[in-house]
Protein backbone atom coordinates (compact mmCIF):
# COMPACT_ATOMS: atom_id res chain seq x y z
CA UNK A 1 0.00 0.00 0.00
CA UNK A 2 1.66 3.15 -1.14
CA UNK A 3 -0.42 5.39 1.09
CA UNK A 4 1.24 3.87 4.17
CA UNK A 5 4.77 4.20 2.86
CA UNK A 6 6.83 7.31 3.40
CA UNK A 7 6.81 9.70 0.48
CA UNK A 8 10.45 10.23 -0.43
CA UNK A 9 10.22 12.52 -3.43
CA UNK A 10 7.60 14.23 -5.59
CA UNK A 11 8.48 15.50 -9.05
CA UNK A 12 6.23 17.29 -11.49
CA UNK A 13 6.67 16.24 -15.11
CA UNK A 14 4.34 18.36 -17.19
CA UNK A 15 0.83 17.79 -15.89
CA UNK A 16 1.73 14.55 -14.06
CA UNK A 17 3.29 14.16 -10.64
CA UNK A 18 5.77 11.32 -10.23
CA UNK A 19 5.99 10.10 -6.63
CA UNK A 20 8.83 8.04 -5.22
CA UNK A 21 8.28 6.16 -1.96
CA UNK A 22 10.78 4.93 0.59
CA UNK A 23 10.86 1.22 1.36
CA UNK A 24 8.54 0.16 4.18
CA UNK A 25 10.11 -0.18 7.63
CA UNK A 26 8.84 -1.48 10.93
CA UNK A 27 8.70 0.87 13.93
CA UNK A 28 11.70 -1.04 15.32
CA UNK A 29 13.73 -0.36 12.15
CA UNK A 30 12.73 3.32 12.07
CA UNK A 31 13.74 3.74 15.72
CA UNK A 32 17.16 2.18 15.11
CA UNK A 33 17.73 4.54 12.17
CA UNK A 34 16.63 7.63 14.10
CA UNK A 35 18.72 9.93 16.26
CA UNK A 36 16.16 9.82 19.10
CA UNK A 37 17.94 7.18 21.17
CA UNK A 38 21.65 6.73 21.87
CA UNK A 39 23.83 3.74 20.90
CA UNK A 40 23.51 2.06 24.33
CA UNK A 41 19.71 2.18 24.14
CA UNK A 42 19.83 0.89 20.56
CA UNK A 43 21.97 -2.04 21.70
CA UNK A 44 19.56 -2.86 24.54
CA UNK A 45 16.63 -2.68 22.13
CA UNK A 46 18.44 -4.91 19.65
CA UNK A 47 19.29 -7.46 22.37
CA UNK A 48 15.62 -7.56 23.43
CA UNK A 49 14.45 -7.82 19.81
CA UNK A 50 16.74 -10.82 19.25
CA UNK A 51 15.03 -12.70 22.12
CA UNK A 52 11.52 -12.30 20.68
CA UNK A 53 9.85 -15.38 19.22
CA UNK A 54 6.89 -14.41 17.01
CA UNK A 55 5.43 -17.93 17.07
CA UNK A 56 5.48 -18.04 20.87
CA UNK A 57 3.95 -14.56 21.07
CA UNK A 58 1.14 -15.62 18.72
CA UNK A 59 0.46 -18.76 20.82
CA UNK A 60 0.29 -16.62 23.96
CA UNK A 61 -2.11 -14.16 22.31
CA UNK A 62 -4.39 -16.97 21.16
CA UNK A 63 -4.33 -18.57 24.60
CA UNK A 64 -5.32 -15.26 26.22
CA UNK A 65 -8.05 -14.69 23.61
CA UNK A 66 -9.50 -18.13 24.34
CA UNK A 67 -9.47 -17.37 28.06
CA UNK A 68 -11.20 -14.03 27.40
CA UNK A 69 -13.90 -15.65 25.23
CA UNK A 70 -14.55 -18.32 27.87
CA UNK A 71 -14.89 -15.62 30.54
CA UNK A 72 -17.35 -13.67 28.39
CA UNK A 73 -19.38 -16.78 27.64
CA UNK A 74 -19.50 -17.66 31.36
CA UNK A 75 -20.66 -14.15 32.33
CA UNK A 76 -23.35 -14.07 29.61
CA UNK A 77 -24.88 -17.40 30.61
C-alpha atoms as a PDB file:
ATOM      1  CA  UNK A   1       0.000   0.000   0.000  1.00  0.00           C
ATOM      2  CA  UNK A   2       1.659   3.146  -1.140  1.00  0.00           C
ATOM      3  CA  UNK A   3      -0.416   5.392   1.086  1.00  0.00           C
ATOM      4  CA  UNK A   4       1.240   3.868   4.168  1.00  0.00           C
ATOM      5  CA  UNK A   5       4.766   4.198   2.864  1.00  0.00           C
ATOM      6  CA  UNK A   6       6.825   7.312   3.404  1.00  0.00           C
ATOM      7  CA  UNK A   7       6.812   9.696   0.478  1.00  0.00           C
ATOM      8  CA  UNK A   8      10.449  10.227  -0.427  1.00  0.00           C
ATOM      9  CA  UNK A   9      10.217  12.518  -3.429  1.00  0.00           C
ATOM     10  CA  UNK A  10       7.603  14.225  -5.590  1.00  0.00           C
ATOM     11  CA  UNK A  11       8.476  15.497  -9.050  1.00  0.00           C
ATOM     12  CA  UNK A  12       6.233  17.291 -11.494  1.00  0.00           C
ATOM     13  CA  UNK A  13       6.672  16.242 -15.108  1.00  0.00           C
ATOM     14  CA  UNK A  14       4.338  18.362 -17.192  1.00  0.00           C
ATOM     15  CA  UNK A  15       0.827  17.791 -15.887  1.00  0.00           C
ATOM     16  CA  UNK A  16       1.733  14.553 -14.060  1.00  0.00           C
ATOM     17  CA  UNK A  17       3.286  14.158 -10.639  1.00  0.00           C
ATOM     18  CA  UNK A  18       5.770  11.317 -10.233  1.00  0.00           C
ATOM     19  CA  UNK A  19       5.986  10.103  -6.633  1.00  0.00           C
ATOM     20  CA  UNK A  20       8.830   8.042  -5.218  1.00  0.00           C
ATOM     21  CA  UNK A  21       8.280   6.160  -1.961  1.00  0.00           C
ATOM     22  CA  UNK A  22      10.777   4.933   0.593  1.00  0.00           C
ATOM     23  CA  UNK A  23      10.859   1.215   1.363  1.00  0.00           C
ATOM     24  CA  UNK A  24       8.540   0.160   4.182  1.00  0.00           C
ATOM     25  CA  UNK A  25      10.107  -0.177   7.627  1.00  0.00           C
ATOM     26  CA  UNK A  26       8.841  -1.481  10.930  1.00  0.00           C
ATOM     27  CA  UNK A  27       8.700   0.873  13.928  1.00  0.00           C
ATOM     28  CA  UNK A  28      11.704  -1.038  15.317  1.00  0.00           C
ATOM     29  CA  UNK A  29      13.729  -0.363  12.154  1.00  0.00           C
ATOM     30  CA  UNK A  30      12.730   3.318  12.072  1.00  0.00           C
ATOM     31  CA  UNK A  31      13.741   3.743  15.724  1.00  0.00           C
ATOM     32  CA  UNK A  32      17.156   2.181  15.107  1.00  0.00           C
ATOM     33  CA  UNK A  33      17.731   4.545  12.175  1.00  0.00           C
ATOM     34  CA  UNK A  34      16.626   7.629  14.104  1.00  0.00           C
ATOM     35  CA  UNK A  35      18.720   9.931  16.258  1.00  0.00           C
ATOM     36  CA  UNK A  36      16.165   9.825  19.099  1.00  0.00           C
ATOM     37  CA  UNK A  37      17.944   7.179  21.171  1.00  0.00           C
ATOM     38  CA  UNK A  38      21.651   6.726  21.875  1.00  0.00           C
ATOM     39  CA  UNK A  39      23.829   3.741  20.901  1.00  0.00           C
ATOM     40  CA  UNK A  40      23.512   2.059  24.330  1.00  0.00           C
ATOM     41  CA  UNK A  41      19.714   2.179  24.139  1.00  0.00           C
ATOM     42  CA  UNK A  42      19.830   0.888  20.564  1.00  0.00           C
ATOM     43  CA  UNK A  43      21.970  -2.041  21.699  1.00  0.00           C
ATOM     44  CA  UNK A  44      19.564  -2.864  24.543  1.00  0.00           C
ATOM     45  CA  UNK A  45      16.634  -2.676  22.133  1.00  0.00           C
ATOM     46  CA  UNK A  46      18.444  -4.913  19.647  1.00  0.00           C
ATOM     47  CA  UNK A  47      19.289  -7.462  22.374  1.00  0.00           C
ATOM     48  CA  UNK A  48      15.622  -7.562  23.428  1.00  0.00           C
ATOM     49  CA  UNK A  49      14.449  -7.817  19.812  1.00  0.00           C
ATOM     50  CA  UNK A  50      16.741 -10.817  19.255  1.00  0.00           C
ATOM     51  CA  UNK A  51      15.031 -12.699  22.118  1.00  0.00           C
ATOM     52  CA  UNK A  52      11.520 -12.297  20.677  1.00  0.00           C
ATOM     53  CA  UNK A  53       9.853 -15.382  19.223  1.00  0.00           C
ATOM     54  CA  UNK A  54       6.894 -14.411  17.012  1.00  0.00           C
ATOM     55  CA  UNK A  55       5.432 -17.932  17.065  1.00  0.00           C
ATOM     56  CA  UNK A  56       5.480 -18.037  20.875  1.00  0.00           C
ATOM     57  CA  UNK A  57       3.947 -14.565  21.074  1.00  0.00           C
ATOM     58  CA  UNK A  58       1.135 -15.623  18.720  1.00  0.00           C
ATOM     59  CA  UNK A  59       0.465 -18.758  20.818  1.00  0.00           C
ATOM     60  CA  UNK A  60       0.293 -16.622  23.964  1.00  0.00           C
ATOM     61  CA  UNK A  61      -2.109 -14.158  22.306  1.00  0.00           C
ATOM     62  CA  UNK A  62      -4.390 -16.973  21.157  1.00  0.00           C
ATOM     63  CA  UNK A  63      -4.335 -18.574  24.603  1.00  0.00           C
ATOM     64  CA  UNK A  64      -5.316 -15.264  26.219  1.00  0.00           C
ATOM     65  CA  UNK A  65      -8.047 -14.690  23.615  1.00  0.00           C
ATOM     66  CA  UNK A  66      -9.499 -18.127  24.339  1.00  0.00           C
ATOM     67  CA  UNK A  67      -9.466 -17.366  28.058  1.00  0.00           C
ATOM     68  CA  UNK A  68     -11.202 -14.034  27.400  1.00  0.00           C
ATOM     69  CA  UNK A  69     -13.904 -15.649  25.229  1.00  0.00           C
ATOM     70  CA  UNK A  70     -14.548 -18.325  27.867  1.00  0.00           C
ATOM     71  CA  UNK A  71     -14.889 -15.620  30.544  1.00  0.00           C
ATOM     72  CA  UNK A  72     -17.349 -13.674  28.389  1.00  0.00           C
ATOM     73  CA  UNK A  73     -19.380 -16.782  27.638  1.00  0.00           C
ATOM     74  CA  UNK A  74     -19.504 -17.656  31.357  1.00  0.00           C
ATOM     75  CA  UNK A  75     -20.660 -14.146  32.330  1.00  0.00           C
ATOM     76  CA  UNK A  76     -23.345 -14.074  29.613  1.00  0.00           C
ATOM     77  CA  UNK A  77     -24.883 -17.403  30.609  1.00  0.00           C
END
